[in-house]
Amino acid sequence: MVEKLLNETHSLTRLNHVLKDYFATFNIHSFAFTYYVRHVKTGMKLKYNWVTEPLKSWHQYYLEQGYADVDRSLEYATQRALPFFWDVQQQLKVAKNAREKRMRQESIDYGIDKGLNLTLHTPDSGLAVLVLHQRQGESGLQQHQQKKLEWLGVMHCYCCQLHRFLNQDRMSSDIQLTKREYECLRLTKEGLRLEAIAQLLNITPRTVNFHLQNANKKWGVNNKYHAILKQFSS
């Protein structure tokens, strides 16, 4: 099952690859994922953004133009946190102003036909949005009524893993090892013993052990192998 594959990933790159392969089985190749966190002063702030290659240029243009401000389908989905299916031709007909009308027409010109917005409210008061696109001539969303709950479950699993990887990156940026501490951890990870590391770095085994103990303390663990897992897990 895809949930098992997502849970077994060890990197953000692999996580995204599994999600991309999963939706490709439904002939869905264009989708965008955005993750917002709530900031006390500035409101919702974009924390993570990933988009598949076929949609990359349109998604970047959408963000640059600030179209999220006039995208009522996005607003509807985020307010209700329910899957929301849309047809861009219908959206164009009911556009409320010139800017929204321009956005709809430009998306049609780009080749977008229909879409499904999936949203989740995260435990950190954030908001995750996955937008699946059906391009003109494609049929990936034909069974969205039967599949949307399954897709929402997969999205939930993806978000849990994403949150873990983002927290790992934050922790890694907060932990500042010295050059020697990092070298001692890296060489230990490569399988070298204290004496070999000491000889390679031209220091004593006791000094190597001192640097490893300091790395343990900074990572809040009791042994060098746990420190290695935390330092190099990403």
Protein backbone atom coordinates (compact mmCIF):
# COMPACT_ATOMS: atom_id res chain seq x y z
CA MET A 1 0.00 0.00 0.00
CA VAL A 2 1.12 3.54 -0.68
CA GLU A 3 0.70 4.50 3.00
CA LYS A 4 3.33 1.90 3.91
CA LEU A 5 5.70 3.25 1.25
CA LEU A 6 5.21 6.81 2.51
CA ASN A 7 5.86 5.78 6.11
CA GLU A 8 9.06 3.97 5.13
CA THR A 9 10.63 6.93 3.33
CA HIS A 10 13.86 8.35 4.75
CA SER A 11 14.06 11.62 2.84
CA LEU A 12 11.80 14.38 1.58
CA THR A 13 12.88 13.69 -1.99
CA ARG A 14 11.81 10.06 -1.70
CA LEU A 15 8.54 11.08 -0.04
CA ASN A 16 7.63 13.33 -2.98
CA HIS A 17 8.68 10.64 -5.45
CA VAL A 18 6.32 8.09 -3.85
CA LEU A 19 3.42 10.56 -3.97
CA LYS A 20 4.13 11.39 -7.61
CA ASP A 21 4.24 7.71 -8.60
CA TYR A 22 1.01 7.03 -6.71
CA PHE A 23 -1.02 9.68 -8.54
CA ALA A 24 0.56 8.69 -11.86
CA THR A 25 -1.33 5.38 -11.55
CA PHE A 26 -4.53 7.44 -11.90
CA ASN A 27 -3.11 9.37 -14.88
CA ILE A 28 -2.70 12.45 -12.67
CA HIS A 29 0.66 14.05 -13.36
CA SER A 30 -0.02 17.71 -12.54
CA PHE A 31 -0.51 18.64 -8.90
CA ALA A 32 0.71 21.15 -6.36
CA PHE A 33 1.12 20.87 -2.59
CA THR A 34 1.37 23.91 -0.31
CA TYR A 35 1.70 23.98 3.46
CA TYR A 36 0.93 27.12 5.47
CA VAL A 37 1.57 27.76 9.17
CA ARG A 38 -0.14 30.40 11.25
CA HIS A 39 2.08 33.25 12.41
CA VAL A 40 0.96 35.46 15.31
CA LYS A 41 1.68 38.74 13.50
CA THR A 42 1.47 37.93 9.80
CA GLY A 43 -1.29 35.31 9.67
CA MET A 44 -0.85 32.32 7.36
CA LYS A 45 2.70 31.99 6.06
CA LEU A 46 3.90 29.60 3.36
CA LYS A 47 6.23 27.02 4.93
CA TYR A 48 6.57 24.41 2.19
CA ASN A 49 5.70 24.31 -1.48
CA TRP A 50 6.16 21.46 -3.96
CA VAL A 51 4.78 21.02 -7.46
CA THR A 52 5.23 18.37 -10.15
CA GLU A 53 7.18 19.29 -13.25
CA PRO A 54 4.23 19.53 -15.73
CA LEU A 55 2.57 22.18 -13.53
CA LYS A 56 5.66 24.05 -12.35
CA SER A 57 5.55 27.07 -14.67
CA TRP A 58 1.82 27.70 -14.12
CA HIS A 59 2.08 27.26 -10.35
CA GLN A 60 4.98 29.68 -10.14
CA TYR A 61 3.07 32.23 -12.23
CA TYR A 62 -0.04 31.72 -10.04
CA LEU A 63 1.99 32.50 -6.90
CA GLU A 64 3.76 35.48 -8.47
CA GLN A 65 0.45 37.01 -9.55
CA GLY A 66 -1.05 36.49 -6.09
CA TYR A 67 -4.02 34.69 -7.61
CA ALA A 68 -4.74 32.88 -4.34
CA ASP A 69 -6.38 36.14 -3.22
CA VAL A 70 -9.11 35.83 -5.88
CA ASP A 71 -9.29 32.04 -6.15
CA ARG A 72 -12.74 31.35 -4.71
CA SER A 73 -12.42 27.59 -5.21
CA LEU A 74 -9.38 27.64 -2.93
CA GLU A 75 -11.21 29.83 -0.42
CA TYR A 76 -14.22 27.50 -0.45
CA ALA A 77 -12.10 24.39 0.09
CA THR A 78 -9.98 25.86 2.89
CA GLN A 79 -12.98 27.21 4.81
CA ARG A 80 -14.81 23.89 4.76
CA ALA A 81 -11.82 21.52 4.72
CA LEU A 82 -13.75 19.26 2.33
CA PRO A 83 -12.68 17.96 -1.10
CA PHE A 84 -13.82 20.46 -3.71
CA PHE A 85 -14.08 19.62 -7.42
CA TRP A 86 -14.01 22.43 -9.97
CA ASP A 87 -14.35 22.96 -13.70
CA VAL A 88 -12.40 25.94 -14.99
CA GLN A 89 -14.88 26.65 -17.81
CA GLN A 90 -17.68 26.96 -15.24
CA GLN A 91 -15.43 29.11 -13.05
CA LEU A 92 -14.82 31.47 -15.95
CA LYS A 93 -18.57 31.91 -16.48
CA VAL A 94 -19.18 32.93 -12.85
CA ALA A 95 -16.01 34.99 -12.31
CA LYS A 96 -16.84 38.00 -10.12
CA ASN A 97 -14.27 40.49 -11.38
CA ALA A 98 -11.79 41.13 -14.17
CA ARG A 99 -8.83 39.74 -12.23
CA GLU A 100 -10.53 36.45 -11.47
CA LYS A 101 -11.73 36.21 -15.06
CA ARG A 102 -8.17 36.78 -16.30
CA MET A 103 -6.87 34.06 -13.97
CA ARG A 104 -9.44 31.55 -15.23
CA GLN A 105 -8.76 32.36 -18.88
CA GLU A 106 -5.01 32.09 -18.37
CA SER A 107 -5.39 28.69 -16.71
CA ILE A 108 -7.45 27.51 -19.69
CA ASP A 109 -4.80 28.85 -22.07
CA TYR A 110 -2.23 26.88 -20.09
CA GLY A 111 -4.23 23.70 -20.68
CA ILE A 112 -5.98 23.17 -17.36
CA ASP A 113 -9.46 21.63 -17.57
CA LYS A 114 -10.61 20.52 -14.11
CA GLY A 115 -9.24 20.15 -10.60
CA LEU A 116 -9.77 18.78 -7.12
CA ASN A 117 -8.74 20.69 -4.00
CA LEU A 118 -7.93 18.59 -0.92
CA THR A 119 -7.26 20.41 2.35
CA LEU A 120 -6.17 19.38 5.84
CA HIS A 121 -5.85 21.40 9.03
CA THR A 122 -2.59 20.36 10.69
CA PRO A 123 -1.91 19.98 14.45
CA ASP A 124 0.30 23.10 14.44
CA SER A 125 -2.69 25.26 13.38
CA GLY A 126 -1.44 25.13 9.83
CA LEU A 127 -3.16 24.34 6.56
CA ALA A 128 -2.10 21.84 3.90
CA VAL A 129 -3.55 22.13 0.39
CA LEU A 130 -3.17 19.55 -2.37
CA VAL A 131 -4.57 20.57 -5.76
CA LEU A 132 -4.87 17.81 -8.36
CA HIS A 133 -5.18 19.05 -11.95
CA GLN A 134 -6.71 17.40 -14.97
CA ARG A 135 -5.25 18.82 -18.16
CA GLN A 136 -7.22 19.13 -21.39
CA GLY A 137 -7.40 15.71 -23.04
CA GLU A 138 -6.80 13.86 -19.75
CA SER A 139 -9.23 11.89 -17.60
CA GLY A 140 -7.47 11.43 -14.25
CA LEU A 141 -10.26 13.00 -12.19
CA GLN A 142 -13.19 11.12 -13.74
CA GLN A 143 -13.47 8.90 -10.66
CA HIS A 144 -12.84 11.62 -8.11
CA GLN A 145 -16.13 10.92 -6.30
CA GLN A 146 -15.08 7.34 -5.59
CA LYS A 147 -11.43 8.15 -4.92
CA LYS A 148 -11.45 11.44 -3.00
CA LEU A 149 -11.57 9.88 0.48
CA GLU A 150 -8.74 7.50 -0.41
CA TRP A 151 -6.72 10.43 -1.75
CA LEU A 152 -7.44 12.43 1.38
CA GLY A 153 -6.12 9.55 3.49
CA VAL A 154 -2.94 9.38 1.41
CA MET A 155 -2.54 13.14 1.78
CA HIS A 156 -2.85 12.81 5.56
CA CYS A 157 -0.11 10.17 5.61
CA TYR A 158 2.07 12.37 3.37
CA CYS A 159 1.56 15.37 5.68
CA CYS A 160 2.58 13.38 8.76
CA GLN A 161 5.84 12.36 7.12
CA LEU A 162 6.42 15.85 5.73
CA HIS A 163 6.01 17.34 9.20
CA ARG A 164 8.63 14.91 10.52
CA PHE A 165 11.14 15.79 7.80
CA LEU A 166 10.61 19.54 8.18
CA ASN A 167 11.14 19.23 11.94
CA GLN A 168 14.35 17.29 11.31
CA ASP A 169 15.60 20.09 9.06
CA ARG A 170 14.72 22.68 11.69
CA MET A 171 16.52 20.73 14.40
CA SER A 172 19.57 20.27 12.18
CA SER A 173 19.74 24.01 11.55
CA ASP A 174 19.46 24.70 15.30
CA ILE A 175 22.24 22.25 16.27
CA GLN A 176 25.64 23.78 15.60
CA LEU A 177 28.44 21.22 15.85
CA THR A 178 32.06 22.29 15.74
CA LYS A 179 34.13 21.15 12.77
CA ARG A 180 35.86 18.50 14.91
CA GLU A 181 32.57 17.24 16.39
CA TYR A 182 31.11 16.87 12.92
CA GLU A 183 34.23 15.13 11.57
CA CYS A 184 34.28 12.65 14.46
CA LEU A 185 30.60 11.82 13.91
CA ARG A 186 31.03 11.49 10.14
CA LEU A 187 34.06 9.21 10.43
CA THR A 188 32.29 7.09 13.05
CA LYS A 189 29.36 6.78 10.65
CA GLU A 190 31.82 5.53 8.01
CA GLY A 191 32.87 2.73 10.36
CA LEU A 192 36.17 4.03 11.73
CA ARG A 193 37.14 3.28 15.34
CA LEU A 194 38.43 5.81 17.86
CA GLU A 195 42.09 5.01 17.19
CA ALA A 196 41.71 5.30 13.42
CA ILE A 197 39.84 8.61 13.72
CA ALA A 198 42.49 9.94 16.10
CA GLN A 199 45.27 9.02 13.70
CA LEU A 200 43.47 10.52 10.72
CA LEU A 201 42.74 13.82 12.52
CA ASN A 202 46.10 13.87 14.32
CA ILE A 203 44.51 14.00 17.78
CA THR A 204 44.32 11.54 20.68
CA PRO A 205 41.57 8.92 21.06
CA ARG A 206 40.59 10.66 24.28
CA THR A 207 40.05 13.91 22.34
CA VAL A 208 37.96 12.06 19.75
CA ASN A 209 35.78 10.69 22.53
CA PHE A 210 35.50 14.20 24.01
CA HIS A 211 34.17 15.58 20.69
CA LEU A 212 31.72 12.69 20.35
CA GLN A 213 30.43 13.26 23.88
CA ASN A 214 29.89 16.95 23.09
CA ALA A 215 27.93 16.00 19.95
CA ASN A 216 25.79 13.66 22.06
CA LYS A 217 24.99 16.46 24.49
CA LYS A 218 24.05 18.90 21.73
CA TRP A 219 21.68 16.37 20.18
CA GLY A 220 20.29 15.36 23.58
CA VAL A 221 21.16 11.67 23.21
CA ASN A 222 23.15 9.13 25.21
CA ASN A 223 25.40 7.60 22.56
CA LYS A 224 27.18 8.48 19.35
CA TYR A 225 25.01 6.22 17.18
CA HIS A 226 21.85 8.10 18.13
CA ALA A 227 23.69 11.35 17.41
CA ILE A 228 24.67 10.00 13.99
CA LEU A 229 21.05 9.11 13.22
CA LYS A 230 19.88 12.61 14.09
CA GLN A 231 22.75 14.38 12.30
CA PHE A 232 22.56 12.45 9.04
CA SER A 233 18.93 11.30 8.91
CA SER A 234 17.95 13.81 6.23
